[in-house]
Amino acid sequence: AVVSTQSTGKMYNLYLVTILQENISFFLTNNLISRKGAAGLRDDFDALVKEIAPESLALAEGFGITEEMLSAPIARDWELYNSYDNAGEMKEFEDRVRS
């Protein structure tokens, strides 16, 4: 799969936005980001994810993520997988996915 430099640039920006979000109190306290800029981070994150999504399989392949990794429960439907106490078991999850 071919991954464009534009896609990797978007991935880099997504990483930067994530770091800003995770450390927003530090950046605000030290006046390294404005309140308006901080308020726009969620929209920036959502827009980048939307732009990257169509190329996600090519990006996964480019980063060496295998089919086995992609078929892990967390990669399929993590909300469903974590919606009940499954104690790490797959049988009930597989049954729910199939229904």
N, C-alpha and C. Protein backbone atom coordinates (compact mmCIF):
# COMPACT_ATOMS: atom_id res chain seq x y z
N ALA A 1 0.85 -1.19 0.00
CA ALA A 1 0.00 0.00 0.00
C ALA A 1 0.89 1.24 0.00
N VAL A 2 0.44 2.23 -0.69
CA VAL A 2 1.17 3.48 -0.78
C VAL A 2 0.57 4.48 0.20
N VAL A 3 1.42 5.03 1.04
CA VAL A 3 0.99 6.03 2.02
C VAL A 3 1.65 7.34 1.62
N SER A 4 0.86 8.36 1.41
CA SER A 4 1.39 9.64 0.96
C SER A 4 2.03 10.41 2.12
N THR A 5 2.92 11.32 1.76
CA THR A 5 3.51 12.17 2.80
C THR A 5 2.45 13.07 3.40
N GLN A 6 1.40 13.36 2.65
CA GLN A 6 0.30 14.16 3.18
C GLN A 6 -0.39 13.39 4.31
N SER A 7 -0.57 12.08 4.12
CA SER A 7 -1.19 11.25 5.16
C SER A 7 -0.32 11.18 6.41
N THR A 8 0.98 11.01 6.22
CA THR A 8 1.85 10.94 7.39
C THR A 8 1.91 12.30 8.09
N GLY A 9 1.79 13.37 7.34
CA GLY A 9 1.73 14.70 7.94
C GLY A 9 0.47 14.87 8.78
N LYS A 10 -0.64 14.33 8.31
CA LYS A 10 -1.89 14.38 9.08
C LYS A 10 -1.76 13.53 10.34
N MET A 11 -1.09 12.38 10.23
CA MET A 11 -0.87 11.54 11.41
C MET A 11 -0.02 12.29 12.44
N TYR A 12 0.99 12.99 11.96
CA TYR A 12 1.85 13.78 12.84
C TYR A 12 1.03 14.86 13.54
N ASN A 13 0.18 15.56 12.78
CA ASN A 13 -0.67 16.60 13.36
C ASN A 13 -1.64 16.01 14.38
N LEU A 14 -2.17 14.83 14.08
CA LEU A 14 -3.08 14.16 15.01
C LEU A 14 -2.34 13.84 16.31
N TYR A 15 -1.12 13.38 16.19
CA TYR A 15 -0.30 13.11 17.37
C TYR A 15 -0.08 14.40 18.19
N LEU A 16 0.24 15.49 17.51
CA LEU A 16 0.46 16.76 18.21
C LEU A 16 -0.80 17.22 18.93
N VAL A 17 -1.94 17.13 18.27
CA VAL A 17 -3.21 17.53 18.89
C VAL A 17 -3.48 16.66 20.12
N THR A 18 -3.18 15.38 20.01
CA THR A 18 -3.38 14.46 21.14
C THR A 18 -2.50 14.86 22.32
N ILE A 19 -1.25 15.18 22.06
CA ILE A 19 -0.34 15.62 23.12
C ILE A 19 -0.85 16.90 23.77
N LEU A 20 -1.32 17.83 22.95
CA LEU A 20 -1.88 19.08 23.50
C LEU A 20 -3.08 18.77 24.39
N GLN A 21 -3.98 17.91 23.91
CA GLN A 21 -5.18 17.57 24.70
C GLN A 21 -4.81 16.91 26.02
N GLU A 22 -3.86 16.00 25.99
CA GLU A 22 -3.47 15.27 27.20
C GLU A 22 -2.77 16.16 28.23
N ASN A 23 -2.19 17.25 27.77
CA ASN A 23 -1.42 18.14 28.65
C ASN A 23 -1.95 19.56 28.64
N ILE A 24 -3.25 19.71 28.38
CA ILE A 24 -3.82 21.03 28.17
C ILE A 24 -3.63 21.96 29.36
N SER A 25 -3.70 21.44 30.58
CA SER A 25 -3.53 22.31 31.75
C SER A 25 -2.13 22.93 31.77
N PHE A 26 -1.12 22.17 31.40
CA PHE A 26 0.24 22.70 31.35
C PHE A 26 0.34 23.83 30.31
N PHE A 27 -0.20 23.59 29.14
CA PHE A 27 -0.10 24.58 28.06
C PHE A 27 -0.90 25.84 28.39
N LEU A 28 -2.06 25.69 29.02
CA LEU A 28 -2.85 26.87 29.41
C LEU A 28 -2.19 27.63 30.55
N THR A 29 -1.73 26.91 31.56
CA THR A 29 -1.10 27.55 32.73
C THR A 29 0.13 28.34 32.34
N ASN A 30 0.88 27.85 31.38
CA ASN A 30 2.10 28.52 30.95
C ASN A 30 1.90 29.42 29.74
N ASN A 31 0.64 29.70 29.44
CA ASN A 31 0.28 30.60 28.34
C ASN A 31 0.91 30.19 27.01
N LEU A 32 0.96 28.87 26.79
CA LEU A 32 1.52 28.36 25.54
C LEU A 32 0.43 28.10 24.50
N ILE A 33 -0.82 28.19 24.95
CA ILE A 33 -1.97 28.07 24.05
C ILE A 33 -3.07 28.97 24.60
N SER A 34 -3.82 29.57 23.71
CA SER A 34 -4.93 30.42 24.15
C SER A 34 -6.13 29.56 24.52
N ARG A 35 -7.05 30.14 25.27
CA ARG A 35 -8.28 29.41 25.60
C ARG A 35 -9.06 29.08 24.33
N LYS A 36 -9.06 29.99 23.38
CA LYS A 36 -9.74 29.74 22.11
C LYS A 36 -9.08 28.58 21.37
N GLY A 37 -7.75 28.57 21.36
CA GLY A 37 -7.02 27.47 20.73
C GLY A 37 -7.29 26.15 21.40
N ALA A 38 -7.33 26.16 22.74
CA ALA A 38 -7.61 24.94 23.49
C ALA A 38 -9.02 24.45 23.19
N ALA A 39 -9.96 25.38 23.09
CA ALA A 39 -11.35 25.00 22.84
C ALA A 39 -11.52 24.36 21.46
N GLY A 40 -10.66 24.70 20.52
CA GLY A 40 -10.76 24.16 19.17
C GLY A 40 -10.07 22.84 18.95
N LEU A 41 -9.37 22.34 19.97
CA LEU A 41 -8.60 21.11 19.80
C LEU A 41 -9.47 19.90 19.48
N ARG A 42 -10.63 19.80 20.10
CA ARG A 42 -11.51 18.65 19.85
C ARG A 42 -11.97 18.66 18.39
N ASP A 43 -12.32 19.84 17.88
CA ASP A 43 -12.73 19.95 16.47
C ASP A 43 -11.57 19.60 15.54
N ASP A 44 -10.36 20.04 15.89
CA ASP A 44 -9.18 19.70 15.10
C ASP A 44 -8.95 18.19 15.08
N PHE A 45 -9.07 17.57 16.26
CA PHE A 45 -8.90 16.13 16.37
C PHE A 45 -9.92 15.40 15.50
N ASP A 46 -11.18 15.77 15.65
CA ASP A 46 -12.25 15.12 14.88
C ASP A 46 -12.05 15.28 13.37
N ALA A 47 -11.64 16.47 12.94
CA ALA A 47 -11.43 16.71 11.51
C ALA A 47 -10.26 15.86 10.98
N LEU A 48 -9.19 15.77 11.74
CA LEU A 48 -8.05 14.96 11.31
C LEU A 48 -8.41 13.48 11.23
N VAL A 49 -9.14 12.99 12.22
CA VAL A 49 -9.55 11.58 12.20
C VAL A 49 -10.42 11.32 10.97
N LYS A 50 -11.33 12.24 10.67
CA LYS A 50 -12.20 12.09 9.50
C LYS A 50 -11.40 12.07 8.20
N GLU A 51 -10.38 12.89 8.12
CA GLU A 51 -9.54 12.94 6.92
C GLU A 51 -8.68 11.69 6.78
N ILE A 52 -8.20 11.17 7.89
CA ILE A 52 -7.29 10.02 7.88
C ILE A 52 -8.05 8.70 7.70
N ALA A 53 -9.27 8.63 8.17
CA ALA A 53 -10.03 7.37 8.19
C ALA A 53 -10.03 6.61 6.86
N PRO A 54 -10.25 7.27 5.71
CA PRO A 54 -10.27 6.51 4.45
C PRO A 54 -8.95 5.81 4.12
N GLU A 55 -7.86 6.28 4.69
CA GLU A 55 -6.55 5.69 4.42
C GLU A 55 -6.05 4.83 5.58
N SER A 56 -6.93 4.51 6.53
CA SER A 56 -6.49 3.83 7.74
C SER A 56 -5.89 2.45 7.47
N LEU A 57 -6.47 1.70 6.56
CA LEU A 57 -5.90 0.37 6.27
C LEU A 57 -4.52 0.47 5.63
N ALA A 58 -4.36 1.42 4.71
CA ALA A 58 -3.05 1.61 4.09
C ALA A 58 -2.03 2.08 5.13
N LEU A 59 -2.46 2.95 6.04
CA LEU A 59 -1.56 3.41 7.10
C LEU A 59 -1.18 2.26 8.02
N ALA A 60 -2.15 1.43 8.37
CA ALA A 60 -1.87 0.28 9.23
C ALA A 60 -0.84 -0.64 8.56
N GLU A 61 -1.05 -0.90 7.29
CA GLU A 61 -0.11 -1.75 6.56
C GLU A 61 1.26 -1.10 6.50
N GLY A 62 1.29 0.20 6.27
CA GLY A 62 2.55 0.92 6.19
C GLY A 62 3.34 0.90 7.50
N PHE A 63 2.63 0.81 8.61
CA PHE A 63 3.28 0.75 9.92
C PHE A 63 3.52 -0.69 10.37
N GLY A 64 3.23 -1.65 9.49
CA GLY A 64 3.51 -3.04 9.80
C GLY A 64 2.50 -3.69 10.74
N ILE A 65 1.30 -3.14 10.81
CA ILE A 65 0.26 -3.72 11.66
C ILE A 65 -0.35 -4.88 10.89
N THR A 66 -0.28 -6.06 11.47
CA THR A 66 -0.70 -7.29 10.79
C THR A 66 -2.22 -7.49 10.86
N GLU A 67 -2.71 -8.42 10.03
CA GLU A 67 -4.13 -8.79 10.06
C GLU A 67 -4.53 -9.30 11.44
N GLU A 68 -3.65 -10.04 12.08
CA GLU A 68 -3.93 -10.56 13.41
C GLU A 68 -4.16 -9.42 14.39
N MET A 69 -3.35 -8.38 14.29
CA MET A 69 -3.52 -7.23 15.17
C MET A 69 -4.84 -6.53 14.88
N LEU A 70 -5.19 -6.42 13.61
CA LEU A 70 -6.43 -5.75 13.23
C LEU A 70 -7.66 -6.53 13.66
N SER A 71 -7.52 -7.84 13.82
CA SER A 71 -8.68 -8.65 14.21
C SER A 71 -8.79 -8.82 15.72
N ALA A 72 -7.95 -8.17 16.48
CA ALA A 72 -8.05 -8.22 17.93
C ALA A 72 -9.37 -7.57 18.36
N PRO A 73 -9.96 -8.00 19.45
CA PRO A 73 -11.26 -7.45 19.88
C PRO A 73 -11.27 -5.93 19.98
N ILE A 74 -10.21 -5.37 20.49
CA ILE A 74 -10.15 -3.92 20.64
C ILE A 74 -10.18 -3.21 19.30
N ALA A 75 -9.71 -3.87 18.24
CA ALA A 75 -9.68 -3.26 16.92
C ALA A 75 -11.03 -3.35 16.21
N ARG A 76 -11.88 -4.25 16.65
CA ARG A 76 -13.17 -4.43 15.99
C ARG A 76 -14.21 -3.50 16.59
N ASP A 77 -14.72 -3.83 17.75
CA ASP A 77 -15.77 -3.04 18.37
C ASP A 77 -15.46 -2.92 19.86
N TRP A 78 -14.57 -2.03 20.20
CA TRP A 78 -14.11 -1.92 21.57
C TRP A 78 -15.23 -1.51 22.51
N GLU A 79 -16.21 -0.74 22.02
CA GLU A 79 -17.32 -0.34 22.89
C GLU A 79 -18.14 -1.57 23.28
N LEU A 80 -18.48 -2.41 22.30
CA LEU A 80 -19.22 -3.63 22.59
C LEU A 80 -18.39 -4.55 23.48
N TYR A 81 -17.13 -4.72 23.16
CA TYR A 81 -16.25 -5.61 23.92
C TYR A 81 -16.18 -5.20 25.39
N ASN A 82 -16.20 -3.90 25.64
CA ASN A 82 -16.09 -3.41 27.02
C ASN A 82 -17.44 -3.04 27.64
N SER A 83 -18.54 -3.36 26.98
CA SER A 83 -19.86 -2.99 27.49
C SER A 83 -20.35 -3.92 28.59
N TYR A 84 -19.66 -5.00 28.84
CA TYR A 84 -20.04 -5.96 29.87
C TYR A 84 -18.77 -6.58 30.45
N ASP A 85 -18.89 -7.20 31.59
CA ASP A 85 -17.73 -7.83 32.22
C ASP A 85 -17.46 -9.16 31.53
N ASN A 86 -16.53 -9.15 30.59
CA ASN A 86 -16.24 -10.36 29.81
C ASN A 86 -15.04 -11.13 30.35
N ALA A 87 -14.38 -10.59 31.37
CA ALA A 87 -13.22 -11.25 31.98
C ALA A 87 -12.20 -11.68 30.92
N GLY A 88 -12.15 -10.96 29.83
CA GLY A 88 -11.18 -11.26 28.78
C GLY A 88 -11.58 -12.39 27.86
N GLU A 89 -12.76 -12.94 28.07
CA GLU A 89 -13.21 -14.06 27.25
C GLU A 89 -13.75 -13.58 25.91
N MET A 90 -13.54 -14.37 24.89
CA MET A 90 -13.94 -13.99 23.54
C MET A 90 -15.25 -14.62 23.09
N LYS A 91 -15.66 -15.77 23.64
CA LYS A 91 -16.81 -16.49 23.12
C LYS A 91 -18.06 -15.62 23.12
N GLU A 92 -18.39 -15.02 24.25
CA GLU A 92 -19.61 -14.20 24.32
C GLU A 92 -19.48 -13.00 23.37
N PHE A 93 -18.28 -12.41 23.29
CA PHE A 93 -18.08 -11.28 22.38
C PHE A 93 -18.32 -11.72 20.94
N GLU A 94 -17.77 -12.85 20.55
CA GLU A 94 -17.96 -13.36 19.18
C GLU A 94 -19.44 -13.59 18.91
N ASP A 95 -20.16 -14.14 19.89
CA ASP A 95 -21.60 -14.37 19.72
C ASP A 95 -22.33 -13.06 19.52
N ARG A 96 -21.97 -12.04 20.29
CA ARG A 96 -22.62 -10.73 20.18
C ARG A 96 -22.32 -10.06 18.84
N VAL A 97 -21.10 -10.22 18.37
CA VAL A 97 -20.71 -9.62 17.09
C VAL A 97 -21.49 -10.26 15.95
N ARG A 98 -21.68 -11.55 16.03
CA ARG A 98 -22.38 -12.28 14.96
C ARG A 98 -23.88 -12.02 14.94
N SER A 99 -24.46 -11.60 16.08
CA SER A 99 -25.92 -11.39 16.10
C SER A 99 -26.31 -10.02 15.67
